[in-house]
Amino acid sequence: MDEETFNLSIRKFLKVVGVSSQREIEQAIAQALADGTIAGTGRFPVTMTLELPAAKLKAKFDGEIQLE
């Protein structure tokens, strides 16, 4: 295994996930605000699941999105 290639591919994947996830969250919150589903204040629980079936990895990460 080439450690440098491995680490670079992980970073590339995480960058895509980070940017794409932020965009999805922003769009979902904007739509929920427009629909009146949520108010412009509050805290919302959020969960991210990372799966790598070949390595039998399934990791869950919990957090919170705050609007104020």
N, C-alpha and C. Protein backbone atom coordinates (compact mmCIF):
# COMPACT_ATOMS: atom_id res chain seq x y z
N MET A 1 0.85 -1.18 0.00
CA MET A 1 0.00 0.00 0.00
C MET A 1 0.90 1.24 0.00
N ASP A 2 0.54 2.20 -0.80
CA ASP A 2 1.25 3.47 -0.86
C ASP A 2 0.56 4.45 0.08
N GLU A 3 1.20 4.75 1.20
CA GLU A 3 0.61 5.62 2.23
C GLU A 3 0.23 6.99 1.69
N GLU A 4 1.08 7.57 0.84
CA GLU A 4 0.80 8.90 0.32
C GLU A 4 -0.44 8.89 -0.56
N THR A 5 -0.54 7.92 -1.44
CA THR A 5 -1.73 7.79 -2.30
C THR A 5 -2.98 7.57 -1.46
N PHE A 6 -2.86 6.70 -0.47
CA PHE A 6 -3.96 6.40 0.43
C PHE A 6 -4.44 7.66 1.15
N ASN A 7 -3.51 8.39 1.75
CA ASN A 7 -3.87 9.61 2.50
C ASN A 7 -4.45 10.68 1.59
N LEU A 8 -3.90 10.84 0.40
CA LEU A 8 -4.42 11.83 -0.54
C LEU A 8 -5.83 11.47 -0.99
N SER A 9 -6.09 10.19 -1.21
CA SER A 9 -7.44 9.79 -1.63
C SER A 9 -8.46 9.99 -0.51
N ILE A 10 -8.04 9.76 0.73
CA ILE A 10 -8.93 10.02 1.87
C ILE A 10 -9.25 11.51 1.95
N ARG A 11 -8.24 12.35 1.85
CA ARG A 11 -8.44 13.80 1.92
C ARG A 11 -9.35 14.29 0.79
N LYS A 12 -9.14 13.75 -0.41
CA LYS A 12 -9.97 14.13 -1.55
C LYS A 12 -11.43 13.75 -1.31
N PHE A 13 -11.65 12.54 -0.80
CA PHE A 13 -13.01 12.09 -0.49
C PHE A 13 -13.65 12.97 0.58
N LEU A 14 -12.92 13.25 1.64
CA LEU A 14 -13.45 14.07 2.73
C LEU A 14 -13.75 15.49 2.29
N LYS A 15 -12.96 16.03 1.38
CA LYS A 15 -13.23 17.36 0.85
C LYS A 15 -14.54 17.36 0.07
N VAL A 16 -14.74 16.36 -0.77
CA VAL A 16 -16.00 16.25 -1.53
C VAL A 16 -17.18 16.11 -0.57
N VAL A 17 -17.03 15.26 0.44
CA VAL A 17 -18.10 15.05 1.41
C VAL A 17 -18.39 16.35 2.16
N GLY A 18 -17.36 17.04 2.59
CA GLY A 18 -17.56 18.28 3.35
C GLY A 18 -18.27 19.35 2.54
N VAL A 19 -17.81 19.59 1.33
CA VAL A 19 -18.40 20.62 0.49
C VAL A 19 -19.83 20.24 0.10
N SER A 20 -20.02 19.00 -0.32
CA SER A 20 -21.36 18.54 -0.74
C SER A 20 -22.34 18.52 0.42
N SER A 21 -21.88 18.08 1.57
CA SER A 21 -22.75 18.03 2.75
C SER A 21 -23.18 19.43 3.16
N GLN A 22 -22.25 20.36 3.15
CA GLN A 22 -22.59 21.73 3.53
C GLN A 22 -23.64 22.29 2.58
N ARG A 23 -23.46 22.06 1.29
CA ARG A 23 -24.42 22.55 0.29
C ARG A 23 -25.80 21.94 0.52
N GLU A 24 -25.86 20.66 0.77
CA GLU A 24 -27.14 19.97 1.01
C GLU A 24 -27.84 20.50 2.26
N ILE A 25 -27.07 20.70 3.32
CA ILE A 25 -27.64 21.22 4.57
C ILE A 25 -28.17 22.63 4.36
N GLU A 26 -27.38 23.48 3.70
CA GLU A 26 -27.81 24.85 3.45
C GLU A 26 -29.10 24.89 2.63
N GLN A 27 -29.18 24.06 1.60
CA GLN A 27 -30.38 24.03 0.76
C GLN A 27 -31.59 23.51 1.54
N ALA A 28 -31.39 22.48 2.34
CA ALA A 28 -32.49 21.91 3.13
C ALA A 28 -33.01 22.91 4.16
N ILE A 29 -32.09 23.61 4.82
CA ILE A 29 -32.50 24.60 5.82
C ILE A 29 -33.21 25.77 5.14
N ALA A 30 -32.69 26.23 4.01
CA ALA A 30 -33.33 27.33 3.28
C ALA A 30 -34.75 26.95 2.86
N GLN A 31 -34.92 25.73 2.38
CA GLN A 31 -36.24 25.27 1.97
C GLN A 31 -37.18 25.15 3.16
N ALA A 32 -36.68 24.61 4.27
CA ALA A 32 -37.51 24.47 5.47
C ALA A 32 -37.91 25.84 6.02
N LEU A 33 -37.01 26.81 5.94
CA LEU A 33 -37.35 28.17 6.37
C LEU A 33 -38.40 28.77 5.45
N ALA A 34 -38.23 28.58 4.15
CA ALA A 34 -39.19 29.12 3.18
C ALA A 34 -40.57 28.48 3.34
N ASP A 35 -40.60 27.19 3.64
CA ASP A 35 -41.86 26.46 3.82
C ASP A 35 -42.52 26.75 5.16
N GLY A 36 -41.75 27.32 6.08
CA GLY A 36 -42.26 27.55 7.42
C GLY A 36 -42.18 26.31 8.30
N THR A 37 -41.47 25.30 7.82
CA THR A 37 -41.31 24.06 8.58
C THR A 37 -40.51 24.29 9.85
N ILE A 38 -39.52 25.18 9.75
CA ILE A 38 -38.71 25.54 10.91
C ILE A 38 -38.66 27.06 11.01
N ALA A 39 -38.34 27.54 12.21
CA ALA A 39 -38.16 28.97 12.42
C ALA A 39 -36.70 29.31 12.17
N GLY A 40 -36.39 30.58 12.16
CA GLY A 40 -35.03 31.02 11.91
C GLY A 40 -34.11 30.91 13.10
N THR A 41 -34.57 30.27 14.14
CA THR A 41 -33.76 30.06 15.33
C THR A 41 -33.81 28.58 15.67
N GLY A 42 -32.95 28.19 16.52
CA GLY A 42 -33.01 26.81 17.00
C GLY A 42 -31.76 26.02 16.73
N ARG A 43 -31.82 24.82 17.25
CA ARG A 43 -30.73 23.85 17.13
C ARG A 43 -31.36 22.56 16.62
N PHE A 44 -30.67 21.91 15.71
CA PHE A 44 -31.22 20.70 15.12
C PHE A 44 -30.18 19.58 15.16
N PRO A 45 -30.56 18.44 15.69
CA PRO A 45 -29.62 17.32 15.70
C PRO A 45 -29.35 16.86 14.27
N VAL A 46 -28.13 16.41 14.05
CA VAL A 46 -27.72 15.93 12.73
C VAL A 46 -26.87 14.69 12.91
N THR A 47 -27.00 13.76 11.97
CA THR A 47 -26.24 12.52 12.01
C THR A 47 -25.60 12.27 10.65
N MET A 48 -24.37 11.81 10.67
CA MET A 48 -23.65 11.43 9.46
C MET A 48 -23.19 9.99 9.64
N THR A 49 -23.40 9.18 8.61
CA THR A 49 -22.95 7.80 8.66
C THR A 49 -21.92 7.58 7.57
N LEU A 50 -20.80 7.03 7.95
CA LEU A 50 -19.71 6.71 7.03
C LEU A 50 -19.65 5.20 6.89
N GLU A 51 -19.71 4.73 5.65
CA GLU A 51 -19.65 3.30 5.42
C GLU A 51 -18.55 2.97 4.42
N LEU A 52 -17.78 1.97 4.74
CA LEU A 52 -16.76 1.42 3.85
C LEU A 52 -16.92 -0.09 3.91
N PRO A 53 -17.86 -0.61 3.12
CA PRO A 53 -18.20 -2.04 3.20
C PRO A 53 -17.01 -2.99 3.05
N ALA A 54 -16.07 -2.67 2.17
CA ALA A 54 -14.93 -3.56 1.95
C ALA A 54 -14.11 -3.78 3.22
N ALA A 55 -14.09 -2.78 4.09
CA ALA A 55 -13.35 -2.88 5.35
C ALA A 55 -14.28 -3.11 6.54
N LYS A 56 -15.55 -3.35 6.25
CA LYS A 56 -16.56 -3.58 7.29
C LYS A 56 -16.62 -2.41 8.28
N LEU A 57 -16.53 -1.20 7.73
CA LEU A 57 -16.60 0.01 8.55
C LEU A 57 -17.98 0.63 8.42
N LYS A 58 -18.57 0.93 9.54
CA LYS A 58 -19.80 1.70 9.60
C LYS A 58 -19.69 2.55 10.87
N ALA A 59 -19.49 3.85 10.68
CA ALA A 59 -19.30 4.76 11.81
C ALA A 59 -20.36 5.86 11.75
N LYS A 60 -20.96 6.14 12.89
CA LYS A 60 -22.00 7.16 12.99
C LYS A 60 -21.44 8.35 13.78
N PHE A 61 -21.69 9.54 13.25
CA PHE A 61 -21.24 10.78 13.90
C PHE A 61 -22.45 11.64 14.16
N ASP A 62 -22.60 12.09 15.39
CA ASP A 62 -23.73 12.93 15.78
C ASP A 62 -23.24 14.34 16.07
N GLY A 63 -24.10 15.29 15.76
CA GLY A 63 -23.76 16.70 16.01
C GLY A 63 -25.01 17.53 16.08
N GLU A 64 -24.82 18.82 15.88
CA GLU A 64 -25.92 19.75 16.00
C GLU A 64 -25.70 20.91 15.02
N ILE A 65 -26.76 21.31 14.35
CA ILE A 65 -26.75 22.49 13.49
C ILE A 65 -27.47 23.60 14.23
N GLN A 66 -26.81 24.74 14.38
CA GLN A 66 -27.39 25.89 15.09
C GLN A 66 -27.68 26.99 14.09
N LEU A 67 -28.85 27.62 14.20
CA LEU A 67 -29.18 28.73 13.33
C LEU A 67 -28.86 30.07 13.96
N GLU A 68 -28.73 30.12 15.26
CA GLU A 68 -28.35 31.36 15.96
C GLU A 68 -27.36 31.07 17.03
